[in-house]
């Protein structure tokens, strides 16, 4: 008689991935709070910049598997196609990440433009 196999569960996140996600989550929360303080104080350019950085940090939360693949590639030299497949898989699995990253870069660019023209 064969022993009963336990049901499969979702793979647990690596310790590094958990630290990565938590750090970016808390840092993005701090930047969002800073953005709200700046906007309340009337510092529009600073507030937009801080909000942009918060968006970028949130979009980076899902990138740990890709970073892990790049580090592994530097050690072994797997085909480039493997890295491209991993990047595409992450892009499909986390479509919101690309949009949030774009929003973050747009807010940062807007902040820089406001600072160049003299708006605080």
PDB file of N, CA and C in Angstrom:
ATOM      1  N   UNK A   1       0.840  -1.174   0.000  1.00  0.00           N
ATOM      2  CA  UNK A   1       0.000   0.000   0.000  1.00  0.00           C
ATOM      3  C   UNK A   1       0.888   1.242   0.000  1.00  0.00           C
ATOM      4  N   UNK A   2       0.599   2.152  -0.894  1.00  0.00           N
ATOM      5  CA  UNK A   2       1.370   3.385  -1.030  1.00  0.00           C
ATOM      6  C   UNK A   2       0.916   4.411   0.000  1.00  0.00           C
ATOM      7  N   UNK A   3       1.872   5.166   0.564  1.00  0.00           N
ATOM      8  CA  UNK A   3       1.460   6.223   1.496  1.00  0.00           C
ATOM      9  C   UNK A   3       0.731   7.334   0.744  1.00  0.00           C
ATOM     10  N   UNK A   4      -0.200   7.915   1.426  1.00  0.00           N
ATOM     11  CA  UNK A   4      -0.978   9.007   0.821  1.00  0.00           C
ATOM     12  C   UNK A   4      -0.112  10.260   0.728  1.00  0.00           C
ATOM     13  N   UNK A   5      -0.085  10.863  -0.455  1.00  0.00           N
ATOM     14  CA  UNK A   5       0.698  12.075  -0.698  1.00  0.00           C
ATOM     15  C   UNK A   5      -0.066  13.286  -0.170  1.00  0.00           C
ATOM     16  N   UNK A   6       0.629  14.191   0.513  1.00  0.00           N
ATOM     17  CA  UNK A   6      -0.058  15.412   0.957  1.00  0.00           C
ATOM     18  C   UNK A   6      -0.415  16.271  -0.252  1.00  0.00           C
ATOM     19  N   UNK A   7      -1.500  17.035  -0.160  1.00  0.00           N
ATOM     20  CA  UNK A   7      -1.879  17.899  -1.290  1.00  0.00           C
ATOM     21  C   UNK A   7      -0.816  18.950  -1.528  1.00  0.00           C
ATOM     22  N   UNK A   8      -0.646  19.312  -2.788  1.00  0.00           N
ATOM     23  CA  UNK A   8       0.325  20.350  -3.148  1.00  0.00           C
ATOM     24  C   UNK A   8      -0.208  21.707  -2.750  1.00  0.00           C
ATOM     25  N   UNK A   9       0.695  22.504  -2.257  1.00  0.00           N
ATOM     26  CA  UNK A   9       0.315  23.875  -1.924  1.00  0.00           C
ATOM     27  C   UNK A   9       1.156  24.807  -2.789  1.00  0.00           C
ATOM     28  N   UNK A  10       0.792  26.049  -2.784  1.00  0.00           N
ATOM     29  CA  UNK A  10       1.545  27.039  -3.558  1.00  0.00           C
ATOM     30  C   UNK A  10       2.961  27.116  -2.999  1.00  0.00           C
ATOM     31  N   UNK A  11       3.945  27.294  -3.858  1.00  0.00           N
ATOM     32  CA  UNK A  11       5.318  27.383  -3.354  1.00  0.00           C
ATOM     33  C   UNK A  11       5.483  28.596  -2.454  1.00  0.00           C
ATOM     34  N   UNK A  12       6.196  28.399  -1.353  1.00  0.00           N
ATOM     35  CA  UNK A  12       6.389  29.514  -0.434  1.00  0.00           C
ATOM     36  C   UNK A  12       7.425  30.477  -1.008  1.00  0.00           C
ATOM     37  N   UNK A  13       7.268  31.700  -0.641  1.00  0.00           N
ATOM     38  CA  UNK A  13       8.198  32.728  -1.120  1.00  0.00           C
ATOM     39  C   UNK A  13       9.541  32.557  -0.425  1.00  0.00           C
ATOM     40  N   UNK A  14      10.595  32.817  -1.151  1.00  0.00           N
ATOM     41  CA  UNK A  14      11.930  32.755  -0.570  1.00  0.00           C
ATOM     42  C   UNK A  14      12.076  33.853   0.478  1.00  0.00           C
ATOM     43  N   UNK A  15      12.998  33.639   1.397  1.00  0.00           N
ATOM     44  CA  UNK A  15      13.217  34.620   2.461  1.00  0.00           C
ATOM     45  C   UNK A  15      13.594  35.979   1.877  1.00  0.00           C
ATOM     46  N   UNK A  16      14.449  35.971   0.866  1.00  0.00           N
ATOM     47  CA  UNK A  16      14.844  37.221   0.230  1.00  0.00           C
ATOM     48  C   UNK A  16      13.674  37.933  -0.416  1.00  0.00           C
ATOM     49  N   UNK A  17      12.782  37.151  -1.036  1.00  0.00           N
ATOM     50  CA  UNK A  17      11.616  37.749  -1.680  1.00  0.00           C
ATOM     51  C   UNK A  17      10.691  38.387  -0.651  1.00  0.00           C
ATOM     52  N   UNK A  18      10.518  37.733   0.484  1.00  0.00           N
ATOM     53  CA  UNK A  18       9.674  38.293   1.535  1.00  0.00           C
ATOM     54  C   UNK A  18      10.257  39.605   2.047  1.00  0.00           C
ATOM     55  N   UNK A  19      11.567  39.620   2.274  1.00  0.00           N
ATOM     56  CA  UNK A  19      12.213  40.867   2.714  1.00  0.00           C
ATOM     57  C   UNK A  19      12.071  41.957   1.665  1.00  0.00           C
ATOM     58  N   UNK A  20      12.287  41.599   0.390  1.00  0.00           N
ATOM     59  CA  UNK A  20      12.181  42.529  -0.737  1.00  0.00           C
ATOM     60  C   UNK A  20      10.793  43.165  -0.758  1.00  0.00           C
ATOM     61  N   UNK A  21       9.769  42.324  -0.715  1.00  0.00           N
ATOM     62  CA  UNK A  21       8.392  42.839  -0.784  1.00  0.00           C
ATOM     63  C   UNK A  21       8.052  43.719   0.412  1.00  0.00           C
ATOM     64  N   UNK A  22       8.412  43.264   1.612  1.00  0.00           N
ATOM     65  CA  UNK A  22       8.105  44.045   2.810  1.00  0.00           C
ATOM     66  C   UNK A  22       8.819  45.386   2.809  1.00  0.00           C
ATOM     67  N   UNK A  23      10.087  45.391   2.407  1.00  0.00           N
ATOM     68  CA  UNK A  23      10.836  46.646   2.373  1.00  0.00           C
ATOM     69  C   UNK A  23      10.200  47.630   1.400  1.00  0.00           C
ATOM     70  N   UNK A  24       9.889  47.174   0.196  1.00  0.00           N
ATOM     71  CA  UNK A  24       9.291  48.089  -0.774  1.00  0.00           C
ATOM     72  C   UNK A  24       7.887  48.517  -0.358  1.00  0.00           C
ATOM     73  N   UNK A  25       7.139  47.641   0.319  1.00  0.00           N
ATOM     74  CA  UNK A  25       5.812  48.017   0.780  1.00  0.00           C
ATOM     75  C   UNK A  25       5.901  49.130   1.824  1.00  0.00           C
ATOM     76  N   UNK A  26       6.753  48.947   2.828  1.00  0.00           N
ATOM     77  CA  UNK A  26       6.862  49.951   3.884  1.00  0.00           C
ATOM     78  C   UNK A  26       7.485  51.248   3.376  1.00  0.00           C
ATOM     79  N   UNK A  27       8.484  51.145   2.501  1.00  0.00           N
ATOM     80  CA  UNK A  27       9.076  52.362   1.940  1.00  0.00           C
ATOM     81  C   UNK A  27       8.077  53.118   1.066  1.00  0.00           C
ATOM     82  N   UNK A  28       7.260  52.377   0.318  1.00  0.00           N
ATOM     83  CA  UNK A  28       6.254  53.061  -0.505  1.00  0.00           C
ATOM     84  C   UNK A  28       5.196  53.723   0.369  1.00  0.00           C
ATOM     85  N   UNK A  29       4.852  53.097   1.482  1.00  0.00           N
ATOM     86  CA  UNK A  29       3.899  53.717   2.411  1.00  0.00           C
ATOM     87  C   UNK A  29       4.483  54.994   3.002  1.00  0.00           C
ATOM     88  N   UNK A  30       5.764  54.966   3.335  1.00  0.00           N
ATOM     89  CA  UNK A  30       6.417  56.164   3.875  1.00  0.00           C
ATOM     90  C   UNK A  30       6.452  57.278   2.831  1.00  0.00           C
ATOM     91  N   UNK A  31       6.742  56.933   1.575  1.00  0.00           N
ATOM     92  CA  UNK A  31       6.777  57.947   0.521  1.00  0.00           C
ATOM     93  C   UNK A  31       5.374  58.490   0.233  1.00  0.00           C
ATOM     94  N   UNK A  32       4.360  57.634   0.306  1.00  0.00           N
ATOM     95  CA  UNK A  32       2.986  58.113   0.108  1.00  0.00           C
ATOM     96  C   UNK A  32       2.602  59.078   1.229  1.00  0.00           C
ATOM     97  N   UNK A  33       3.006  58.767   2.454  1.00  0.00           N
ATOM     98  CA  UNK A  33       2.727  59.678   3.570  1.00  0.00           C
ATOM     99  C   UNK A  33       3.464  61.000   3.377  1.00  0.00           C
ATOM    100  N   UNK A  34       4.696  60.928   2.916  1.00  0.00           N
ATOM    101  CA  UNK A  34       5.457  62.148   2.651  1.00  0.00           C
ATOM    102  C   UNK A  34       4.799  62.968   1.546  1.00  0.00           C
ATOM    103  N   UNK A  35       4.282  62.279   0.531  1.00  0.00           N
ATOM    104  CA  UNK A  35       3.591  62.980  -0.559  1.00  0.00           C
ATOM    105  C   UNK A  35       2.359  63.707  -0.032  1.00  0.00           C
ATOM    106  N   UNK A  36       1.601  63.051   0.842  1.00  0.00           N
ATOM    107  CA  UNK A  36       0.409  63.699   1.396  1.00  0.00           C
ATOM    108  C   UNK A  36       0.787  64.912   2.242  1.00  0.00           C
ATOM    109  N   UNK A  37       1.847  64.810   3.016  1.00  0.00           N
ATOM    110  CA  UNK A  37       2.295  65.947   3.828  1.00  0.00           C
ATOM    111  C   UNK A  37       2.720  67.093   2.919  1.00  0.00           C
ATOM    112  N   UNK A  38       3.485  66.778   1.863  1.00  0.00           N
ATOM    113  CA  UNK A  38       3.930  67.824   0.937  1.00  0.00           C
ATOM    114  C   UNK A  38       2.747  68.480   0.236  1.00  0.00           C
ATOM    115  N   UNK A  39       1.787  67.687  -0.200  1.00  0.00           N
ATOM    116  CA  UNK A  39       0.617  68.259  -0.881  1.00  0.00           C
ATOM    117  C   UNK A  39      -0.198  69.122   0.074  1.00  0.00           C
ATOM    118  N   UNK A  40      -0.333  68.682   1.324  1.00  0.00           N
ATOM    119  CA  UNK A  40      -1.070  69.469   2.313  1.00  0.00           C
ATOM    120  C   UNK A  40      -0.372  70.793   2.585  1.00  0.00           C
ATOM    121  N   UNK A  41       0.966  70.790   2.539  1.00  0.00           N
ATOM    122  CA  UNK A  41       1.741  72.009   2.793  1.00  0.00           C
ATOM    123  C   UNK A  41       1.819  72.905   1.561  1.00  0.00           C
ATOM    124  N   UNK A  42       1.239  72.461   0.451  1.00  0.00           N
ATOM    125  CA  UNK A  42       1.241  73.279  -0.756  1.00  0.00           C
ATOM    126  C   UNK A  42       2.465  73.090  -1.627  1.00  0.00           C
ATOM    127  N   UNK A  43       3.275  72.082  -1.354  1.00  0.00           N
ATOM    128  CA  UNK A  43       4.467  71.809  -2.159  1.00  0.00           C
ATOM    129  C   UNK A  43       4.109  70.772  -3.228  1.00  0.00           C
ATOM    130  N   UNK A  44       3.517  71.253  -4.314  1.00  0.00           N
ATOM    131  CA  UNK A  44       2.994  70.375  -5.362  1.00  0.00           C
ATOM    132  C   UNK A  44       4.089  69.543  -6.028  1.00  0.00           C
ATOM    133  N   UNK A  45       5.198  70.167  -6.401  1.00  0.00           N
ATOM    134  CA  UNK A  45       6.266  69.452  -7.099  1.00  0.00           C
ATOM    135  C   UNK A  45       6.858  68.355  -6.212  1.00  0.00           C
ATOM    136  N   UNK A  46       7.076  68.656  -4.950  1.00  0.00           N
ATOM    137  CA  UNK A  46       7.627  67.654  -4.031  1.00  0.00           C
ATOM    138  C   UNK A  46       6.630  66.524  -3.813  1.00  0.00           C
ATOM    139  N   UNK A  47       5.365  66.865  -3.671  1.00  0.00           N
ATOM    140  CA  UNK A  47       4.326  65.857  -3.465  1.00  0.00           C
ATOM    141  C   UNK A  47       4.189  64.918  -4.653  1.00  0.00           C
ATOM    142  N   UNK A  48       4.247  65.488  -5.870  1.00  0.00           N
ATOM    143  CA  UNK A  48       4.167  64.635  -7.059  1.00  0.00           C
ATOM    144  C   UNK A  48       5.381  63.715  -7.158  1.00  0.00           C
ATOM    145  N   UNK A  49       6.550  64.234  -6.828  1.00  0.00           N
ATOM    146  CA  UNK A  49       7.757  63.415  -6.856  1.00  0.00           C
ATOM    147  C   UNK A  49       7.690  62.271  -5.858  1.00  0.00           C
ATOM    148  N   UNK A  50       7.242  62.565  -4.645  1.00  0.00           N
ATOM    149  CA  UNK A  50       7.125  61.516  -3.634  1.00  0.00           C
ATOM    150  C   UNK A  50       6.069  60.483  -4.017  1.00  0.00           C
ATOM    151  N   UNK A  51       4.970  60.928  -4.598  1.00  0.00           N
ATOM    152  CA  UNK A  51       3.948  59.986  -5.055  1.00  0.00           C
ATOM    153  C   UNK A  51       4.489  59.114  -6.183  1.00  0.00           C
ATOM    154  N   UNK A  52       5.282  59.682  -7.068  1.00  0.00           N
ATOM    155  CA  UNK A  52       5.900  58.913  -8.144  1.00  0.00           C
ATOM    156  C   UNK A  52       6.836  57.849  -7.613  1.00  0.00           C
ATOM    157  N   UNK A  53       7.622  58.199  -6.613  1.00  0.00           N
ATOM    158  CA  UNK A  53       8.542  57.226  -6.016  1.00  0.00           C
ATOM    159  C   UNK A  53       7.753  56.128  -5.314  1.00  0.00           C
ATOM    160  N   UNK A  54       6.663  56.476  -4.643  1.00  0.00           N
ATOM    161  CA  UNK A  54       5.823  55.456  -3.999  1.00  0.00           C
ATOM    162  C   UNK A  54       5.270  54.479  -5.038  1.00  0.00           C
ATOM    163  N   UNK A  55       4.817  54.993  -6.176  1.00  0.00           N
ATOM    164  CA  UNK A  55       4.313  54.124  -7.243  1.00  0.00           C
ATOM    165  C   UNK A  55       5.410  53.212  -7.781  1.00  0.00           C
ATOM    166  N   UNK A  56       6.599  53.753  -7.971  1.00  0.00           N
ATOM    167  CA  UNK A  56       7.712  52.945  -8.473  1.00  0.00           C
ATOM    168  C   UNK A  56       8.092  51.846  -7.492  1.00  0.00           C
ATOM    169  N   UNK A  57       8.083  52.148  -6.213  1.00  0.00           N
ATOM    170  CA  UNK A  57       8.408  51.125  -5.222  1.00  0.00           C
ATOM    171  C   UNK A  57       7.364  50.016  -5.197  1.00  0.00           C
ATOM    172  N   UNK A  58       6.104  50.383  -5.324  1.00  0.00           N
ATOM    173  CA  UNK A  58       5.061  49.355  -5.371  1.00  0.00           C
ATOM    174  C   UNK A  58       5.197  48.487  -6.618  1.00  0.00           C
ATOM    175  N   UNK A  59       5.581  49.103  -7.732  1.00  0.00           N
ATOM    176  CA  UNK A  59       5.740  48.311  -8.951  1.00  0.00           C
ATOM    177  C   UNK A  59       6.945  47.384  -8.868  1.00  0.00           C
ATOM    178  N   UNK A  60       7.934  47.720  -8.042  1.00  0.00           N
ATOM    179  CA  UNK A  60       9.123  46.875  -7.881  1.00  0.00           C
ATOM    180  C   UNK A  60       8.879  45.669  -6.975  1.00  0.00           C
ATOM    181  N   UNK A  61       7.803  45.669  -6.219  1.00  0.00           N
ATOM    182  CA  UNK A  61       7.533  44.561  -5.305  1.00  0.00           C
ATOM    183  C   UNK A  61       7.465  43.219  -6.017  1.00  0.00           C
ATOM    184  N   UNK A  62       7.016  43.193  -7.241  1.00  0.00           N
ATOM    185  CA  UNK A  62       6.827  41.925  -7.955  1.00  0.00           C
ATOM    186  C   UNK A  62       8.036  41.524  -8.780  1.00  0.00           C
ATOM    187  N   UNK A  63       9.109  42.274  -8.739  1.00  0.00           N
ATOM    188  CA  UNK A  63      10.252  42.031  -9.613  1.00  0.00           C
ATOM    189  C   UNK A  63      11.310  41.108  -9.028  1.00  0.00           C
ATOM    190  N   UNK A  64      11.149  40.617  -7.803  1.00  0.00           N
ATOM    191  CA  UNK A  64      12.177  39.795  -7.192  1.00  0.00           C
ATOM    192  C   UNK A  64      12.503  38.528  -7.988  1.00  0.00           C
ATOM    193  N   UNK A  65      11.521  37.789  -8.517  1.00  0.00           N
ATOM    194  CA  UNK A  65      11.875  36.603  -9.304  1.00  0.00           C
ATOM    195  C   UNK A  65      12.740  36.939 -10.523  1.00  0.00           C
ATOM    196  N   UNK A  66      12.506  38.079 -11.139  1.00  0.00           N
ATOM    197  CA  UNK A  66      13.305  38.480 -12.291  1.00  0.00           C
ATOM    198  C   UNK A  66      14.732  38.821 -11.867  1.00  0.00           C
ATOM    199  N   UNK A  67      14.866  39.502 -10.742  1.00  0.00           N
ATOM    200  CA  UNK A  67      16.197  39.824 -10.230  1.00  0.00           C
ATOM    201  C   UNK A  67      16.937  38.532  -9.887  1.00  0.00           C
ATOM    202  N   UNK A  68      16.232  37.569  -9.290  1.00  0.00           N
ATOM    203  CA  UNK A  68      16.843  36.283  -8.968  1.00  0.00           C
ATOM    204  C   UNK A  68      17.320  35.579 -10.233  1.00  0.00           C
ATOM    205  N   UNK A  69      16.527  35.650 -11.307  1.00  0.00           N
ATOM    206  CA  UNK A  69      16.920  35.023 -12.575  1.00  0.00           C
ATOM    207  C   UNK A  69      18.155  35.707 -13.166  1.00  0.00           C
ATOM    208  N   UNK A  70      18.242  37.022 -13.033  1.00  0.00           N
ATOM    209  CA  UNK A  70      19.409  37.744 -13.552  1.00  0.00           C
ATOM    210  C   UNK A  70      20.659  37.363 -12.763  1.00  0.00           C
ATOM    211  N   UNK A  71      20.533  37.258 -11.447  1.00  0.00           N
ATOM    212  CA  UNK A  71      21.683  36.870 -10.621  1.00  0.00           C
ATOM    213  C   UNK A  71      22.116  35.452 -10.966  1.00  0.00           C
ATOM    214  N   UNK A  72      21.152  34.548 -11.147  1.00  0.00           N
ATOM    215  CA  UNK A  72      21.490  33.173 -11.522  1.00  0.00           C
ATOM    216  C   UNK A  72      22.143  33.142 -12.905  1.00  0.00           C
ATOM    217  N   UNK A  73      21.686  33.998 -13.804  1.00  0.00           N
ATOM    218  CA  UNK A  73      22.255  34.043 -15.152  1.00  0.00           C
ATOM    219  C   UNK A  73      23.702  34.522 -15.120  1.00  0.00           C
ATOM    220  N   UNK A  74      24.018  35.395 -14.192  1.00  0.00           N
ATOM    221  CA  UNK A  74      25.400  35.874 -14.113  1.00  0.00           C
ATOM    222  C   UNK A  74      26.340  34.782 -13.622  1.00  0.00           C
ATOM    223  N   UNK A  75      25.805  33.810 -12.900  1.00  0.00           N
ATOM    224  CA  UNK A  75      26.628  32.714 -12.395  1.00  0.00           C
ATOM    225  C   UNK A  75      26.803  31.599 -13.426  1.00  0.00           C
ATOM    226  N   UNK A  76      25.750  31.327 -14.228  1.00  0.00           N
ATOM    227  CA  UNK A  76      25.769  30.178 -15.112  1.00  0.00           C
ATOM    228  C   UNK A  76      25.885  30.522 -16.581  1.00  0.00           C
ATOM    229  N   UNK A  77      25.230  31.480 -17.038  1.00  0.00           N
ATOM    230  CA  UNK A  77      25.133  31.861 -18.450  1.00  0.00           C
ATOM    231  C   UNK A  77      24.089  31.032 -19.202  1.00  0.00           C
ATOM    232  N   UNK A  78      22.809  31.029 -18.729  1.00  0.00           N
ATOM    233  CA  UNK A  78      21.764  30.365 -19.492  1.00  0.00           C
ATOM    234  C   UNK A  78      21.422  31.193 -20.724  1.00  0.00           C
ATOM    235  N   UNK A  79      20.697  30.615 -21.638  1.00  0.00           N
ATOM    236  CA  UNK A  79      20.360  31.365 -22.852  1.00  0.00           C
ATOM    237  C   UNK A  79      19.547  32.625 -22.537  1.00  0.00           C
ATOM    238  N   UNK A  80      19.735  33.610 -23.358  1.00  0.00           N
ATOM    239  CA  UNK A  80      19.031  34.890 -23.188  1.00  0.00           C
ATOM    240  C   UNK A  80      17.524  34.701 -23.294  1.00  0.00           C
ATOM    241  N   UNK A  81      17.112  33.721 -24.092  1.00  0.00           N
ATOM    242  CA  UNK A  81      15.684  33.471 -24.285  1.00  0.00           C
ATOM    243  C   UNK A  81      15.010  33.090 -22.965  1.00  0.00           C
ATOM    244  N   UNK A  82      15.752  32.414 -22.091  1.00  0.00           N
ATOM    245  CA  UNK A  82      15.185  32.027 -20.798  1.00  0.00           C
ATOM    246  C   UNK A  82      14.867  33.259 -19.960  1.00  0.00           C
ATOM    247  N   UNK A  83      15.768  34.231 -19.953  1.00  0.00           N
ATOM    248  CA  UNK A  83      15.513  35.472 -19.227  1.00  0.00           C
ATOM    249  C   UNK A  83      14.340  36.237 -19.829  1.00  0.00           C
ATOM    250  N   UNK A  84      14.256  36.241 -21.151  1.00  0.00           N
ATOM    251  CA  UNK A  84      13.141  36.930 -21.809  1.00  0.00           C
ATOM    252  C   UNK A  84      11.812  36.254 -21.484  1.00  0.00           C
ATOM    253  N   UNK A  85      11.806  34.908 -21.419  1.00  0.00           N
ATOM    254  CA  UNK A  85      10.578  34.190 -21.048  1.00  0.00           C
ATOM    255  C   UNK A  85      10.162  34.530 -19.626  1.00  0.00           C
ATOM    256  N   UNK A  86      11.146  34.594 -18.719  1.00  0.00           N
ATOM    257  CA  UNK A  86      10.847  34.940 -17.325  1.00  0.00           C
ATOM    258  C   UNK A  86      10.293  36.360 -17.230  1.00  0.00           C
ATOM    259  N   UNK A  87      10.878  37.285 -17.965  1.00  0.00           N
ATOM    260  CA  UNK A  87      10.386  38.663 -17.964  1.00  0.00           C
ATOM    261  C   UNK A  87       8.962  38.732 -18.511  1.00  0.00           C
ATOM    262  N   UNK A  88       8.684  37.994 -19.569  1.00  0.00           N
ATOM    263  CA  UNK A  88       7.338  37.995 -20.151  1.00  0.00           C
ATOM    264  C   UNK A  88       6.332  37.357 -19.195  1.00  0.00           C
ATOM    265  N   UNK A  89       6.743  36.278 -18.513  1.00  0.00           N
ATOM    266  CA  UNK A  89       5.849  35.621 -17.556  1.00  0.00           C
ATOM    267  C   UNK A  89       5.485  36.580 -16.428  1.00  0.00           C
ATOM    268  N   UNK A  90       6.476  37.317 -15.913  1.00  0.00           N
ATOM    269  CA  UNK A  90       6.207  38.278 -14.848  1.00  0.00           C
ATOM    270  C   UNK A  90       5.323  39.421 -15.341  1.00  0.00           C
ATOM    271  N   UNK A  91       5.563  39.856 -16.556  1.00  0.00           N
ATOM    272  CA  UNK A  91       4.773  40.949 -17.124  1.00  0.00           C
ATOM    273  C   UNK A  91       3.304  40.546 -17.253  1.00  0.00           C
ATOM    274  N   UNK A  92       3.055  39.311 -17.691  1.00  0.00           N
ATOM    275  CA  UNK A  92       1.679  38.830 -17.853  1.00  0.00           C
ATOM    276  C   UNK A  92       1.021  38.607 -16.496  1.00  0.00           C
ATOM    277  N   UNK A  93       1.785  38.063 -15.544  1.00  0.00           N
ATOM    278  CA  UNK A  93       1.226  37.765 -14.228  1.00  0.00           C
ATOM    279  C   UNK A  93       0.926  39.026 -13.420  1.00  0.00           C
ATOM    280  N   UNK A  94       1.642  40.096 -13.686  1.00  0.00           N
ATOM    281  CA  UNK A  94       1.486  41.337 -12.907  1.00  0.00           C
ATOM    282  C   UNK A  94       1.317  42.526 -13.838  1.00  0.00           C
ATOM    283  N   UNK A  95       0.240  42.552 -14.575  1.00  0.00           N
ATOM    284  CA  UNK A  95       0.006  43.648 -15.526  1.00  0.00           C
ATOM    285  C   UNK A  95      -0.076  45.006 -14.830  1.00  0.00           C
ATOM    286  N   UNK A  96      -0.575  45.038 -13.624  1.00  0.00           N
ATOM    287  CA  UNK A  96      -0.698  46.296 -12.890  1.00  0.00           C
ATOM    288  C   UNK A  96       0.670  46.899 -12.599  1.00  0.00           C
ATOM    289  N   UNK A  97       1.688  46.077 -12.486  1.00  0.00           N
ATOM    290  CA  UNK A  97       3.024  46.567 -12.151  1.00  0.00           C
ATOM    291  C   UNK A  97       3.568  47.503 -13.228  1.00  0.00           C
ATOM    292  N   UNK A  98       3.379  47.135 -14.500  1.00  0.00           N
ATOM    293  CA  UNK A  98       3.848  48.008 -15.586  1.00  0.00           C
ATOM    294  C   UNK A  98       3.104  49.337 -15.586  1.00  0.00           C
ATOM    295  N   UNK A  99       1.801  49.286 -15.375  1.00  0.00           N
ATOM    296  CA  UNK A  99       1.005  50.528 -15.369  1.00  0.00           C
ATOM    297  C   UNK A  99       1.384  51.428 -14.191  1.00  0.00           C
ATOM    298  N   UNK A 100       1.610  50.795 -13.040  1.00  0.00           N
ATOM    299  CA  UNK A 100       1.987  51.573 -11.869  1.00  0.00           C
ATOM    300  C   UNK A 100       3.376  52.169 -12.048  1.00  0.00           C
ATOM    301  N   UNK A 101       4.283  51.419 -12.662  1.00  0.00           N
ATOM    302  CA  UNK A 101       5.615  51.948 -12.957  1.00  0.00           C
ATOM    303  C   UNK A 101       5.540  53.132 -13.905  1.00  0.00           C
ATOM    304  N   UNK A 102       4.708  53.024 -14.926  1.00  0.00           N
ATOM    305  CA  UNK A 102       4.529  54.133 -15.868  1.00  0.00           C
ATOM    306  C   UNK A 102       3.958  55.360 -15.155  1.00  0.00           C
ATOM    307  N   UNK A 103       2.990  55.138 -14.267  1.00  0.00           N
ATOM    308  CA  UNK A 103       2.426  56.252 -13.508  1.00  0.00           C
ATOM    309  C   UNK A 103       3.496  56.904 -12.636  1.00  0.00           C
ATOM    310  N   UNK A 104       4.340  56.074 -12.020  1.00  0.00           N
ATOM    311  CA  UNK A 104       5.411  56.607 -11.178  1.00  0.00           C
ATOM    312  C   UNK A 104       6.389  57.460 -11.960  1.00  0.00           C
ATOM    313  N   UNK A 105       6.816  56.965 -13.139  1.00  0.00           N
ATOM    314  CA  UNK A 105       7.748  57.742 -13.958  1.00  0.00           C
ATOM    315  C   UNK A 105       7.094  59.020 -14.462  1.00  0.00           C
ATOM    316  N   UNK A 106       5.803  58.970 -14.781  1.00  0.00           N
ATOM    317  CA  UNK A 106       5.088  60.164 -15.241  1.00  0.00           C
ATOM    318  C   UNK A 106       5.005  61.210 -14.123  1.00  0.00           C
ATOM    319  N   UNK A 107       4.697  60.762 -12.912  1.00  0.00           N
ATOM    320  CA  UNK A 107       4.646  61.696 -11.784  1.00  0.00           C
ATOM    321  C   UNK A 107       6.018  62.304 -11.501  1.00  0.00           C
ATOM    322  N   UNK A 108       7.063  61.496 -11.576  1.00  0.00           N
ATOM    323  CA  UNK A 108       8.406  62.033 -11.374  1.00  0.00           C
ATOM    324  C   UNK A 108       8.775  63.053 -12.445  1.00  0.00           C
ATOM    325  N   UNK A 109       8.438  62.755 -13.689  1.00  0.00           N
ATOM    326  CA  UNK A 109       8.723  63.702 -14.776  1.00  0.00           C
ATOM    327  C   UNK A 109       7.940  64.996 -14.576  1.00  0.00           C
ATOM    328  N   UNK A 110       6.679  64.880 -14.166  1.00  0.00           N
ATOM    329  CA  UNK A 110       5.872  66.060 -13.886  1.00  0.00           C
ATOM    330  C   UNK A 110       6.463  66.884 -12.751  1.00  0.00           C
ATOM    331  N   UNK A 111       6.959  66.208 -11.738  1.00  0.00           N
ATOM    332  CA  UNK A 111       7.596  66.879 -10.609  1.00  0.00           C
ATOM    333  C   UNK A 111       8.836  67.636 -11.079  1.00  0.00           C
ATOM    334  N   UNK A 112       9.650  66.992 -11.889  1.00  0.00           N
ATOM    335  CA  UNK A 112      10.865  67.652 -12.384  1.00  0.00           C
ATOM    336  C   UNK A 112      10.519  68.856 -13.260  1.00  0.00           C
ATOM    337  N   UNK A 113       9.502  68.703 -14.094  1.00  0.00           N
ATOM    338  CA  UNK A 113       9.080  69.814 -14.957  1.00  0.00           C
ATOM    339  C   UNK A 113       8.605  70.991 -14.102  1.00  0.00           C
ATOM    340  N   UNK A 114       7.821  70.716 -13.074  1.00  0.00           N
ATOM    341  CA  UNK A 114       7.354  71.790 -12.202  1.00  0.00           C
ATOM    342  C   UNK A 114       8.520  72.488 -11.505  1.00  0.00           C
ATOM    343  N   UNK A 115       9.505  71.714 -11.090  1.00  0.00           N
ATOM    344  CA  UNK A 115      10.670  72.304 -10.412  1.00  0.00           C
ATOM    345  C   UNK A 115      11.491  73.154 -11.382  1.00  0.00           C
ATOM    346  N   UNK A 116      11.594  72.723 -12.638  1.00  0.00           N
ATOM    347  CA  UNK A 116      12.352  73.495 -13.639  1.00  0.00           C
ATOM    348  C   UNK A 116      11.688  74.832 -13.896  1.00  0.00           C
ATOM    349  N   UNK A 117      10.360  74.848 -13.959  1.00  0.00           N
ATOM    350  CA  UNK A 117       9.677  76.113 -14.241  1.00  0.00           C
ATOM    351  C   UNK A 117       9.466  76.962 -13.000  1.00  0.00           C
ATOM    352  N   UNK A 118       9.910  76.432 -11.846  1.00  0.00           N
ATOM    353  CA  UNK A 118       9.891  77.253 -10.637  1.00  0.00           C
ATOM    354  C   UNK A 118       8.736  77.026  -9.690  1.00  0.00           C
ATOM    355  N   UNK A 119       7.895  76.050  -9.930  1.00  0.00           N
ATOM    356  CA  UNK A 119       6.802  75.753  -9.005  1.00  0.00           C
ATOM    357  C   UNK A 119       7.350  74.846  -7.911  1.00  0.00           C
ATOM    358  N   UNK A 120       7.062  75.191  -6.658  1.00  0.00           N
ATOM    359  CA  UNK A 120       7.564  74.373  -5.556  1.00  0.00           C
ATOM    360  C   UNK A 120       6.626  73.257  -5.307  1.00  0.00           C
TER     361      UNK A 120
END
